[in-house]
Amino acid sequence: ENVKEHIQENVYKTIIPRNIRLAEAP
């Protein structure tokens, strides 16, 4: 909410979750 209030840039609707599998893949 804070970032959306303070910036004029496009904010993508998709939000990347904190995800164990995402951290393991690399």
mmCIF file of all heavy atoms, coordinates in Angstrom:
data_MODEL
# 
_entry.id   MODEL 
# 
loop_
_atom_site.group_PDB 
_atom_site.id 
_atom_site.type_symbol 
_atom_site.label_atom_id 
_atom_site.label_alt_id 
_atom_site.label_comp_id 
_atom_site.label_asym_id 
_atom_site.label_entity_id 
_atom_site.label_seq_id 
_atom_site.pdbx_PDB_ins_code 
_atom_site.Cartn_x 
_atom_site.Cartn_y 
_atom_site.Cartn_z 
_atom_site.occupancy 
_atom_site.B_iso_or_equiv 
_atom_site.pdbx_formal_charge 
_atom_site.auth_seq_id 
_atom_site.auth_comp_id 
_atom_site.auth_asym_id 
_atom_site.auth_atom_id 
_atom_site.pdbx_PDB_model_num 
ATOM 1   N N   . GLU A 1 1  ? 0.825  -1.214  0.000   1.00 0.00 ? 1  GLU A N   1 
ATOM 2   C CA  . GLU A 1 1  ? 0.000  0.000   0.000   1.00 0.00 ? 1  GLU A CA  1 
ATOM 3   C C   . GLU A 1 1  ? 0.860  1.265   0.000   1.00 0.00 ? 1  GLU A C   1 
ATOM 4   O O   . GLU A 1 1  ? 0.574  2.239   -0.692  1.00 0.00 ? 1  GLU A O   1 
ATOM 5   C CB  . GLU A 1 1  ? -0.947 -0.004  1.210   1.00 0.00 ? 1  GLU A CB  1 
ATOM 6   C CG  . GLU A 1 1  ? -2.038 -1.063  1.141   1.00 0.00 ? 1  GLU A CG  1 
ATOM 7   C CD  . GLU A 1 1  ? -2.780 -1.076  -0.194  1.00 0.00 ? 1  GLU A CD  1 
ATOM 8   O OE1 . GLU A 1 1  ? -3.190 0.007   -0.653  1.00 0.00 ? 1  GLU A OE1 1 
ATOM 9   O OE2 . GLU A 1 1  ? -2.922 -2.164  -0.780  1.00 0.00 ? 1  GLU A OE2 1 
ATOM 10  N N   . ASN A 1 2  ? 1.921  1.233   0.799   1.00 0.00 ? 2  ASN A N   1 
ATOM 11  C CA  . ASN A 1 2  ? 2.811  2.382   0.936   1.00 0.00 ? 2  ASN A CA  1 
ATOM 12  C C   . ASN A 1 2  ? 3.481  2.737   -0.398  1.00 0.00 ? 2  ASN A C   1 
ATOM 13  O O   . ASN A 1 2  ? 3.515  3.897   -0.817  1.00 0.00 ? 2  ASN A O   1 
ATOM 14  C CB  . ASN A 1 2  ? 3.878  2.052   1.991   1.00 0.00 ? 2  ASN A CB  1 
ATOM 15  C CG  . ASN A 1 2  ? 4.668  3.271   2.415   1.00 0.00 ? 2  ASN A CG  1 
ATOM 16  O OD1 . ASN A 1 2  ? 4.237  4.398   2.193   1.00 0.00 ? 2  ASN A OD1 1 
ATOM 17  N ND2 . ASN A 1 2  ? 5.807  3.047   3.011   1.00 0.00 ? 2  ASN A ND2 1 
ATOM 18  N N   . VAL A 1 3  ? 3.992  1.712   -1.081  1.00 0.00 ? 3  VAL A N   1 
ATOM 19  C CA  . VAL A 1 3  ? 4.672  1.948   -2.359  1.00 0.00 ? 3  VAL A CA  1 
ATOM 20  C C   . VAL A 1 3  ? 3.678  2.465   -3.393  1.00 0.00 ? 3  VAL A C   1 
ATOM 21  O O   . VAL A 1 3  ? 3.959  3.411   -4.132  1.00 0.00 ? 3  VAL A O   1 
ATOM 22  C CB  . VAL A 1 3  ? 5.382  0.662   -2.857  1.00 0.00 ? 3  VAL A CB  1 
ATOM 23  C CG1 . VAL A 1 3  ? 5.911  0.855   -4.278  1.00 0.00 ? 3  VAL A CG1 1 
ATOM 24  C CG2 . VAL A 1 3  ? 6.527  0.290   -1.922  1.00 0.00 ? 3  VAL A CG2 1 
ATOM 25  N N   . LYS A 1 4  ? 2.494  1.865   -3.424  1.00 0.00 ? 4  LYS A N   1 
ATOM 26  C CA  . LYS A 1 4  ? 1.474  2.306   -4.396  1.00 0.00 ? 4  LYS A CA  1 
ATOM 27  C C   . LYS A 1 4  ? 1.100  3.778   -4.186  1.00 0.00 ? 4  LYS A C   1 
ATOM 28  O O   . LYS A 1 4  ? 0.841  4.502   -5.136  1.00 0.00 ? 4  LYS A O   1 
ATOM 29  C CB  . LYS A 1 4  ? 0.225  1.421   -4.291  1.00 0.00 ? 4  LYS A CB  1 
ATOM 30  C CG  . LYS A 1 4  ? 0.389  0.057   -4.940  1.00 0.00 ? 4  LYS A CG  1 
ATOM 31  C CD  . LYS A 1 4  ? -0.897 -0.755  -4.806  1.00 0.00 ? 4  LYS A CD  1 
ATOM 32  C CE  . LYS A 1 4  ? -0.771 -2.090  -5.526  1.00 0.00 ? 4  LYS A CE  1 
ATOM 33  N NZ  . LYS A 1 4  ? -1.965 -2.943  -5.308  1.00 0.00 ? 4  LYS A NZ  1 
ATOM 34  N N   . GLU A 1 5  ? 1.086  4.212   -2.925  1.00 0.00 ? 5  GLU A N   1 
ATOM 35  C CA  . GLU A 1 5  ? 0.756  5.602   -2.624  1.00 0.00 ? 5  GLU A CA  1 
ATOM 36  C C   . GLU A 1 5  ? 1.837  6.570   -3.077  1.00 0.00 ? 5  GLU A C   1 
ATOM 37  O O   . GLU A 1 5  ? 1.571  7.696   -3.453  1.00 0.00 ? 5  GLU A O   1 
ATOM 38  C CB  . GLU A 1 5  ? 0.585  5.775   -1.101  1.00 0.00 ? 5  GLU A CB  1 
ATOM 39  C CG  . GLU A 1 5  ? -0.776 5.380   -0.577  1.00 0.00 ? 5  GLU A CG  1 
ATOM 40  C CD  . GLU A 1 5  ? -0.803 5.420   0.944   1.00 0.00 ? 5  GLU A CD  1 
ATOM 41  O OE1 . GLU A 1 5  ? -0.035 6.202   1.541   1.00 0.00 ? 5  GLU A OE1 1 
ATOM 42  O OE2 . GLU A 1 5  ? -1.586 4.649   1.529   1.00 0.00 ? 5  GLU A OE2 1 
ATOM 43  N N   . HIS A 1 6  ? 3.102  6.106   -3.008  1.00 0.00 ? 6  HIS A N   1 
ATOM 44  C CA  . HIS A 1 6  ? 4.221  7.033   -3.168  1.00 0.00 ? 6  HIS A CA  1 
ATOM 45  C C   . HIS A 1 6  ? 4.825  7.084   -4.562  1.00 0.00 ? 6  HIS A C   1 
ATOM 46  O O   . HIS A 1 6  ? 5.669  7.939   -4.830  1.00 0.00 ? 6  HIS A O   1 
ATOM 47  C CB  . HIS A 1 6  ? 5.333  6.693   -2.164  1.00 0.00 ? 6  HIS A CB  1 
ATOM 48  C CG  . HIS A 1 6  ? 5.024  7.163   -0.777  1.00 0.00 ? 6  HIS A CG  1 
ATOM 49  N ND1 . HIS A 1 6  ? 4.256  6.428   0.087   1.00 0.00 ? 6  HIS A ND1 1 
ATOM 50  C CD2 . HIS A 1 6  ? 5.355  8.308   -0.125  1.00 0.00 ? 6  HIS A CD2 1 
ATOM 51  C CE1 . HIS A 1 6  ? 4.141  7.095   1.231   1.00 0.00 ? 6  HIS A CE1 1 
ATOM 52  N NE2 . HIS A 1 6  ? 4.788  8.234   1.126   1.00 0.00 ? 6  HIS A NE2 1 
ATOM 53  N N   . ILE A 1 7  ? 4.465  6.168   -5.434  1.00 0.00 ? 7  ILE A N   1 
ATOM 54  C CA  . ILE A 1 7  ? 5.098  6.204   -6.754  1.00 0.00 ? 7  ILE A CA  1 
ATOM 55  C C   . ILE A 1 7  ? 4.051  6.364   -7.857  1.00 0.00 ? 7  ILE A C   1 
ATOM 56  O O   . ILE A 1 7  ? 2.903  5.962   -7.702  1.00 0.00 ? 7  ILE A O   1 
ATOM 57  C CB  . ILE A 1 7  ? 5.962  4.944   -7.033  1.00 0.00 ? 7  ILE A CB  1 
ATOM 58  C CG1 . ILE A 1 7  ? 5.120  3.667   -7.042  1.00 0.00 ? 7  ILE A CG1 1 
ATOM 59  C CG2 . ILE A 1 7  ? 7.098  4.832   -6.037  1.00 0.00 ? 7  ILE A CG2 1 
ATOM 60  C CD1 . ILE A 1 7  ? 5.881  2.461   -7.514  1.00 0.00 ? 7  ILE A CD1 1 
ATOM 61  N N   . GLN A 1 8  ? 4.513  6.958   -8.924  1.00 0.00 ? 8  GLN A N   1 
ATOM 62  C CA  . GLN A 1 8  ? 3.638  7.179   -10.075 1.00 0.00 ? 8  GLN A CA  1 
ATOM 63  C C   . GLN A 1 8  ? 3.800  6.073   -11.123 1.00 0.00 ? 8  GLN A C   1 
ATOM 64  O O   . GLN A 1 8  ? 3.142  6.075   -12.146 1.00 0.00 ? 8  GLN A O   1 
ATOM 65  C CB  . GLN A 1 8  ? 3.963  8.532   -10.726 1.00 0.00 ? 8  GLN A CB  1 
ATOM 66  C CG  . GLN A 1 8  ? 3.397  9.736   -9.985  1.00 0.00 ? 8  GLN A CG  1 
ATOM 67  C CD  . GLN A 1 8  ? 4.207  10.079  -8.745  1.00 0.00 ? 8  GLN A CD  1 
ATOM 68  O OE1 . GLN A 1 8  ? 5.412  10.248  -8.844  1.00 0.00 ? 8  GLN A OE1 1 
ATOM 69  N NE2 . GLN A 1 8  ? 3.558  10.165  -7.604  1.00 0.00 ? 8  GLN A NE2 1 
ATOM 70  N N   . GLU A 1 9  ? 4.729  5.136   -10.861 1.00 0.00 ? 9  GLU A N   1 
ATOM 71  C CA  . GLU A 1 9  ? 5.045  4.129   -11.866 1.00 0.00 ? 9  GLU A CA  1 
ATOM 72  C C   . GLU A 1 9  ? 3.946  3.063   -11.942 1.00 0.00 ? 9  GLU A C   1 
ATOM 73  O O   . GLU A 1 9  ? 3.158  2.892   -11.019 1.00 0.00 ? 9  GLU A O   1 
ATOM 74  C CB  . GLU A 1 9  ? 6.389  3.445   -11.542 1.00 0.00 ? 9  GLU A CB  1 
ATOM 75  C CG  . GLU A 1 9  ? 7.503  4.372   -11.079 1.00 0.00 ? 9  GLU A CG  1 
ATOM 76  C CD  . GLU A 1 9  ? 7.798  5.485   -12.055 1.00 0.00 ? 9  GLU A CD  1 
ATOM 77  O OE1 . GLU A 1 9  ? 7.513  5.328   -13.250 1.00 0.00 ? 9  GLU A OE1 1 
ATOM 78  O OE2 . GLU A 1 9  ? 8.299  6.529   -11.623 1.00 0.00 ? 9  GLU A OE2 1 
ATOM 79  N N   . ASN A 1 10 ? 3.971  2.340   -13.051 1.00 0.00 ? 10 ASN A N   1 
ATOM 80  C CA  . ASN A 1 10 ? 3.114  1.163   -13.181 1.00 0.00 ? 10 ASN A CA  1 
ATOM 81  C C   . ASN A 1 10 ? 3.493  0.128   -12.115 1.00 0.00 ? 10 ASN A C   1 
ATOM 82  O O   . ASN A 1 10 ? 4.669  -0.167  -11.923 1.00 0.00 ? 10 ASN A O   1 
ATOM 83  C CB  . ASN A 1 10 ? 3.314  0.553   -14.579 1.00 0.00 ? 10 ASN A CB  1 
ATOM 84  C CG  . ASN A 1 10 ? 2.550  -0.749  -14.753 1.00 0.00 ? 10 ASN A CG  1 
ATOM 85  O OD1 . ASN A 1 10 ? 1.351  -0.815  -14.579 1.00 0.00 ? 10 ASN A OD1 1 
ATOM 86  N ND2 . ASN A 1 10 ? 3.280  -1.813  -15.085 1.00 0.00 ? 10 ASN A ND2 1 
ATOM 87  N N   . VAL A 1 11 ? 2.498  -0.402  -11.416 1.00 0.00 ? 11 VAL A N   1 
ATOM 88  C CA  . VAL A 1 11 ? 2.735  -1.483  -10.459 1.00 0.00 ? 11 VAL A CA  1 
ATOM 89  C C   . VAL A 1 11 ? 2.029  -2.732  -10.983 1.00 0.00 ? 11 VAL A C   1 
ATOM 90  O O   . VAL A 1 11 ? 0.820  -2.718  -11.221 1.00 0.00 ? 11 VAL A O   1 
ATOM 91  C CB  . VAL A 1 11 ? 2.202  -1.123  -9.054  1.00 0.00 ? 11 VAL A CB  1 
ATOM 92  C CG1 . VAL A 1 11 ? 2.395  -2.298  -8.098  1.00 0.00 ? 11 VAL A CG1 1 
ATOM 93  C CG2 . VAL A 1 11 ? 2.900  0.119   -8.521  1.00 0.00 ? 11 VAL A CG2 1 
ATOM 94  N N   . TYR A 1 12 ? 2.804  -3.789  -11.178 1.00 0.00 ? 12 TYR A N   1 
ATOM 95  C CA  . TYR A 1 12 ? 2.198  -5.023  -11.691 1.00 0.00 ? 12 TYR A CA  1 
ATOM 96  C C   . TYR A 1 12 ? 1.239  -5.624  -10.668 1.00 0.00 ? 12 TYR A C   1 
ATOM 97  O O   . TYR A 1 12 ? 1.498  -5.611  -9.465  1.00 0.00 ? 12 TYR A O   1 
ATOM 98  C CB  . TYR A 1 12 ? 3.285  -6.028  -12.079 1.00 0.00 ? 12 TYR A CB  1 
ATOM 99  C CG  . TYR A 1 12 ? 3.824  -5.769  -13.463 1.00 0.00 ? 12 TYR A CG  1 
ATOM 100 C CD1 . TYR A 1 12 ? 5.082  -5.220  -13.660 1.00 0.00 ? 12 TYR A CD1 1 
ATOM 101 C CD2 . TYR A 1 12 ? 3.034  -6.037  -14.573 1.00 0.00 ? 12 TYR A CD2 1 
ATOM 102 C CE1 . TYR A 1 12 ? 5.551  -4.964  -14.946 1.00 0.00 ? 12 TYR A CE1 1 
ATOM 103 C CE2 . TYR A 1 12 ? 3.487  -5.784  -15.848 1.00 0.00 ? 12 TYR A CE2 1 
ATOM 104 C CZ  . TYR A 1 12 ? 4.745  -5.249  -16.038 1.00 0.00 ? 12 TYR A CZ  1 
ATOM 105 O OH  . TYR A 1 12 ? 5.186  -4.980  -17.298 1.00 0.00 ? 12 TYR A OH  1 
ATOM 106 N N   . LYS A 1 13 ? 0.128  -6.146  -11.173 1.00 0.00 ? 13 LYS A N   1 
ATOM 107 C CA  . LYS A 1 13 ? -0.875 -6.768  -10.294 1.00 0.00 ? 13 LYS A CA  1 
ATOM 108 C C   . LYS A 1 13 ? -0.315 -8.039  -9.657  1.00 0.00 ? 13 LYS A C   1 
ATOM 109 O O   . LYS A 1 13 ? -0.630 -8.360  -8.515  1.00 0.00 ? 13 LYS A O   1 
ATOM 110 C CB  . LYS A 1 13 ? -2.141 -7.111  -11.092 1.00 0.00 ? 13 LYS A CB  1 
ATOM 111 C CG  . LYS A 1 13 ? -2.923 -5.898  -11.580 1.00 0.00 ? 13 LYS A CG  1 
ATOM 112 C CD  . LYS A 1 13 ? -4.251 -6.341  -12.194 1.00 0.00 ? 13 LYS A CD  1 
ATOM 113 C CE  . LYS A 1 13 ? -5.023 -5.157  -12.763 1.00 0.00 ? 13 LYS A CE  1 
ATOM 114 N NZ  . LYS A 1 13 ? -4.379 -4.638  -13.995 1.00 0.00 ? 13 LYS A NZ  1 
ATOM 115 N N   . THR A 1 14 ? 0.472  -8.777  -10.426 1.00 0.00 ? 14 THR A N   1 
ATOM 116 C CA  . THR A 1 14 ? 1.043  -10.017 -9.907  1.00 0.00 ? 14 THR A CA  1 
ATOM 117 C C   . THR A 1 14 ? 2.036  -9.700  -8.792  1.00 0.00 ? 14 THR A C   1 
ATOM 118 O O   . THR A 1 14 ? 2.911  -8.853  -8.943  1.00 0.00 ? 14 THR A O   1 
ATOM 119 C CB  . THR A 1 14 ? 1.782  -10.775 -11.024 1.00 0.00 ? 14 THR A CB  1 
ATOM 120 O OG1 . THR A 1 14 ? 0.859  -11.048 -12.083 1.00 0.00 ? 14 THR A OG1 1 
ATOM 121 C CG2 . THR A 1 14 ? 2.353  -12.088 -10.512 1.00 0.00 ? 14 THR A CG2 1 
ATOM 122 N N   . ILE A 1 15 ? 1.885  -10.393 -7.672  1.00 0.00 ? 15 ILE A N   1 
ATOM 123 C CA  . ILE A 1 15 ? 2.813  -10.257 -6.558  1.00 0.00 ? 15 ILE A CA  1 
ATOM 124 C C   . ILE A 1 15 ? 3.477  -11.616 -6.343  1.00 0.00 ? 15 ILE A C   1 
ATOM 125 O O   . ILE A 1 15 ? 2.807  -12.649 -6.278  1.00 0.00 ? 15 ILE A O   1 
ATOM 126 C CB  . ILE A 1 15 ? 2.069  -9.797  -5.281  1.00 0.00 ? 15 ILE A CB  1 
ATOM 127 C CG1 . ILE A 1 15 ? 1.514  -8.374  -5.488  1.00 0.00 ? 15 ILE A CG1 1 
ATOM 128 C CG2 . ILE A 1 15 ? 2.966  -9.870  -4.065  1.00 0.00 ? 15 ILE A CG2 1 
ATOM 129 C CD1 . ILE A 1 15 ? 0.711  -7.839  -4.315  1.00 0.00 ? 15 ILE A CD1 1 
ATOM 130 N N   . ILE A 1 16 ? 4.812  -11.596 -6.276  1.00 0.00 ? 16 ILE A N   1 
ATOM 131 C CA  . ILE A 1 16 ? 5.563  -12.857 -6.156  1.00 0.00 ? 16 ILE A CA  1 
ATOM 132 C C   . ILE A 1 16 ? 5.632  -13.242 -4.680  1.00 0.00 ? 16 ILE A C   1 
ATOM 133 O O   . ILE A 1 16 ? 6.149  -12.484 -3.855  1.00 0.00 ? 16 ILE A O   1 
ATOM 134 C CB  . ILE A 1 16 ? 6.990  -12.708 -6.728  1.00 0.00 ? 16 ILE A CB  1 
ATOM 135 C CG1 . ILE A 1 16 ? 6.965  -12.105 -8.149  1.00 0.00 ? 16 ILE A CG1 1 
ATOM 136 C CG2 . ILE A 1 16 ? 7.709  -14.053 -6.693  1.00 0.00 ? 16 ILE A CG2 1 
ATOM 137 C CD1 . ILE A 1 16 ? 6.194  -12.898 -9.179  1.00 0.00 ? 16 ILE A CD1 1 
ATOM 138 N N   . PRO A 1 17 ? 5.127  -14.424 -4.321  1.00 0.00 ? 17 PRO A N   1 
ATOM 139 C CA  . PRO A 1 17 ? 5.091  -14.787 -2.898  1.00 0.00 ? 17 PRO A CA  1 
ATOM 140 C C   . PRO A 1 17 ? 6.455  -15.251 -2.392  1.00 0.00 ? 17 PRO A C   1 
ATOM 141 O O   . PRO A 1 17 ? 7.328  -15.648 -3.172  1.00 0.00 ? 17 PRO A O   1 
ATOM 142 C CB  . PRO A 1 17 ? 4.105  -15.964 -2.888  1.00 0.00 ? 17 PRO A CB  1 
ATOM 143 C CG  . PRO A 1 17 ? 4.280  -16.610 -4.230  1.00 0.00 ? 17 PRO A CG  1 
ATOM 144 C CD  . PRO A 1 17 ? 4.551  -15.469 -5.187  1.00 0.00 ? 17 PRO A CD  1 
ATOM 145 N N   . ARG A 1 18 ? 6.635  -15.179 -1.086  1.00 0.00 ? 18 ARG A N   1 
ATOM 146 C CA  . ARG A 1 18 ? 7.788  -15.844 -0.468  1.00 0.00 ? 18 ARG A CA  1 
ATOM 147 C C   . ARG A 1 18 ? 7.510  -17.336 -0.559  1.00 0.00 ? 18 ARG A C   1 
ATOM 148 O O   . ARG A 1 18 ? 6.495  -17.811 -0.061  1.00 0.00 ? 18 ARG A O   1 
ATOM 149 C CB  . ARG A 1 18 ? 7.927  -15.389 0.990   1.00 0.00 ? 18 ARG A CB  1 
ATOM 150 C CG  . ARG A 1 18 ? 9.214  -15.798 1.647   1.00 0.00 ? 18 ARG A CG  1 
ATOM 151 C CD  . ARG A 1 18 ? 9.307  -15.226 3.040   1.00 0.00 ? 18 ARG A CD  1 
ATOM 152 N NE  . ARG A 1 18 ? 9.617  -13.804 3.054   1.00 0.00 ? 18 ARG A NE  1 
ATOM 153 C CZ  . ARG A 1 18 ? 10.836 -13.293 2.859   1.00 0.00 ? 18 ARG A CZ  1 
ATOM 154 N NH1 . ARG A 1 18 ? 11.866 -14.097 2.602   1.00 0.00 ? 18 ARG A NH1 1 
ATOM 155 N NH2 . ARG A 1 18 ? 11.026 -11.984 2.896   1.00 0.00 ? 18 ARG A NH2 1 
ATOM 156 N N   . ASN A 1 19 ? 8.401  -18.093 -1.193  1.00 0.00 ? 19 ASN A N   1 
ATOM 157 C CA  . ASN A 1 19 ? 8.082  -19.472 -1.565  1.00 0.00 ? 19 ASN A CA  1 
ATOM 158 C C   . ASN A 1 19 ? 9.340  -20.339 -1.482  1.00 0.00 ? 19 ASN A C   1 
ATOM 159 O O   . ASN A 1 19 ? 10.345 -20.034 -2.128  1.00 0.00 ? 19 ASN A O   1 
ATOM 160 C CB  . ASN A 1 19 ? 7.505  -19.462 -2.991  1.00 0.00 ? 19 ASN A CB  1 
ATOM 161 C CG  . ASN A 1 19 ? 7.101  -20.830 -3.505  1.00 0.00 ? 19 ASN A CG  1 
ATOM 162 O OD1 . ASN A 1 19 ? 7.724  -21.345 -4.425  1.00 0.00 ? 19 ASN A OD1 1 
ATOM 163 N ND2 . ASN A 1 19 ? 6.065  -21.417 -2.956  1.00 0.00 ? 19 ASN A ND2 1 
ATOM 164 N N   . ILE A 1 20 ? 9.267  -21.386 -0.675  1.00 0.00 ? 20 ILE A N   1 
ATOM 165 C CA  . ILE A 1 20 ? 10.441 -22.243 -0.452  1.00 0.00 ? 20 ILE A CA  1 
ATOM 166 C C   . ILE A 1 20 ? 10.938 -22.844 -1.764  1.00 0.00 ? 20 ILE A C   1 
ATOM 167 O O   . ILE A 1 20 ? 12.136 -22.873 -2.044  1.00 0.00 ? 20 ILE A O   1 
ATOM 168 C CB  . ILE A 1 20 ? 10.101 -23.401 0.528   1.00 0.00 ? 20 ILE A CB  1 
ATOM 169 C CG1 . ILE A 1 20 ? 9.696  -22.855 1.900   1.00 0.00 ? 20 ILE A CG1 1 
ATOM 170 C CG2 . ILE A 1 20 ? 11.274 -24.367 0.662   1.00 0.00 ? 20 ILE A CG2 1 
ATOM 171 C CD1 . ILE A 1 20 ? 10.778 -22.183 2.684   1.00 0.00 ? 20 ILE A CD1 1 
ATOM 172 N N   . ARG A 1 21 ? 10.015 -23.303 -2.596  1.00 0.00 ? 21 ARG A N   1 
ATOM 173 C CA  . ARG A 1 21 ? 10.415 -23.961 -3.855  1.00 0.00 ? 21 ARG A CA  1 
ATOM 174 C C   . ARG A 1 21 ? 11.142 -22.980 -4.776  1.00 0.00 ? 21 ARG A C   1 
ATOM 175 O O   . ARG A 1 21 ? 12.091 -23.339 -5.470  1.00 0.00 ? 21 ARG A O   1 
ATOM 176 C CB  . ARG A 1 21 ? 9.183  -24.533 -4.566  1.00 0.00 ? 21 ARG A CB  1 
ATOM 177 C CG  . ARG A 1 21 ? 8.343  -25.448 -3.719  1.00 0.00 ? 21 ARG A CG  1 
ATOM 178 C CD  . ARG A 1 21 ? 9.091  -26.671 -3.242  1.00 0.00 ? 21 ARG A CD  1 
ATOM 179 N NE  . ARG A 1 21 ? 9.079  -27.753 -4.228  1.00 0.00 ? 21 ARG A NE  1 
ATOM 180 C CZ  . ARG A 1 21 ? 9.827  -28.863 -4.125  1.00 0.00 ? 21 ARG A CZ  1 
ATOM 181 N NH1 . ARG A 1 21 ? 10.653 -29.013 -3.111  1.00 0.00 ? 21 ARG A NH1 1 
ATOM 182 N NH2 . ARG A 1 21 ? 9.746  -29.788 -5.045  1.00 0.00 ? 21 ARG A NH2 1 
ATOM 183 N N   . LEU A 1 22 ? 10.707 -21.733 -4.748  1.00 0.00 ? 22 LEU A N   1 
ATOM 184 C CA  . LEU A 1 22 ? 11.341 -20.682 -5.533  1.00 0.00 ? 22 LEU A CA  1 
ATOM 185 C C   . LEU A 1 22 ? 12.781 -20.474 -5.073  1.00 0.00 ? 22 LEU A C   1 
ATOM 186 O O   . LEU A 1 22 ? 13.695 -20.270 -5.875  1.00 0.00 ? 22 LEU A O   1 
ATOM 187 C CB  . LEU A 1 22 ? 10.537 -19.388 -5.356  1.00 0.00 ? 22 LEU A CB  1 
ATOM 188 C CG  . LEU A 1 22 ? 10.533 -18.319 -6.436  1.00 0.00 ? 22 LEU A CG  1 
ATOM 189 C CD1 . LEU A 1 22 ? 10.276 -18.888 -7.819  1.00 0.00 ? 22 LEU A CD1 1 
ATOM 190 C CD2 . LEU A 1 22 ? 9.487  -17.260 -6.095  1.00 0.00 ? 22 LEU A CD2 1 
ATOM 191 N N   . ALA A 1 23 ? 12.992 -20.532 -3.753  1.00 0.00 ? 23 ALA A N   1 
ATOM 192 C CA  . ALA A 1 23 ? 14.334 -20.354 -3.189  1.00 0.00 ? 23 ALA A CA  1 
ATOM 193 C C   . ALA A 1 23 ? 15.232 -21.552 -3.481  1.00 0.00 ? 23 ALA A C   1 
ATOM 194 O O   . ALA A 1 23 ? 16.450 -21.404 -3.638  1.00 0.00 ? 23 ALA A O   1 
ATOM 195 C CB  . ALA A 1 23 ? 14.227 -20.128 -1.684  1.00 0.00 ? 23 ALA A CB  1 
ATOM 196 N N   . GLU A 1 24 ? 14.639 -22.739 -3.584  1.00 0.00 ? 24 GLU A N   1 
ATOM 197 C CA  . GLU A 1 24 ? 15.440 -23.954 -3.792  1.00 0.00 ? 24 GLU A CA  1 
ATOM 198 C C   . GLU A 1 24 ? 15.888 -24.125 -5.242  1.00 0.00 ? 24 GLU A C   1 
ATOM 199 O O   . GLU A 1 24 ? 16.975 -24.654 -5.507  1.00 0.00 ? 24 GLU A O   1 
ATOM 200 C CB  . GLU A 1 24 ? 14.615 -25.190 -3.403  1.00 0.00 ? 24 GLU A CB  1 
ATOM 201 C CG  . GLU A 1 24 ? 14.379 -25.353 -1.930  1.00 0.00 ? 24 GLU A CG  1 
ATOM 202 C CD  . GLU A 1 24 ? 13.388 -26.478 -1.624  1.00 0.00 ? 24 GLU A CD  1 
ATOM 203 O OE1 . GLU A 1 24 ? 12.756 -27.014 -2.553  1.00 0.00 ? 24 GLU A OE1 1 
ATOM 204 O OE2 . GLU A 1 24 ? 13.261 -26.797 -0.439  1.00 0.00 ? 24 GLU A OE2 1 
ATOM 205 N N   . ALA A 1 25 ? 15.063 -23.682 -6.188  1.00 0.00 ? 25 ALA A N   1 
ATOM 206 C CA  . ALA A 1 25 ? 15.287 -23.993 -7.612  1.00 0.00 ? 25 ALA A CA  1 
ATOM 207 C C   . ALA A 1 25 ? 16.686 -23.643 -8.123  1.00 0.00 ? 25 ALA A C   1 
ATOM 208 O O   . ALA A 1 25 ? 17.306 -24.450 -8.838  1.00 0.00 ? 25 ALA A O   1 
ATOM 209 C CB  . ALA A 1 25 ? 14.212 -23.324 -8.476  1.00 0.00 ? 25 ALA A CB  1 
ATOM 210 N N   . PRO A 1 26 ? 17.254 -22.453 -7.786  1.00 0.00 ? 26 PRO A N   1 
ATOM 211 C CA  . PRO A 1 26 ? 18.571 -22.115 -8.354  1.00 0.00 ? 26 PRO A CA  1 
ATOM 212 C C   . PRO A 1 26 ? 19.677 -23.098 -7.981  1.00 0.00 ? 26 PRO A C   1 
ATOM 213 O O   . PRO A 1 26 ? 20.605 -23.320 -8.768  1.00 0.00 ? 26 PRO A O   1 
ATOM 214 C CB  . PRO A 1 26 ? 18.866 -20.724 -7.751  1.00 0.00 ? 26 PRO A CB  1 
ATOM 215 C CG  . PRO A 1 26 ? 17.556 -20.178 -7.354  1.00 0.00 ? 26 PRO A CG  1 
ATOM 216 C CD  . PRO A 1 26 ? 16.706 -21.349 -6.985  1.00 0.00 ? 26 PRO A CD  1 
# 
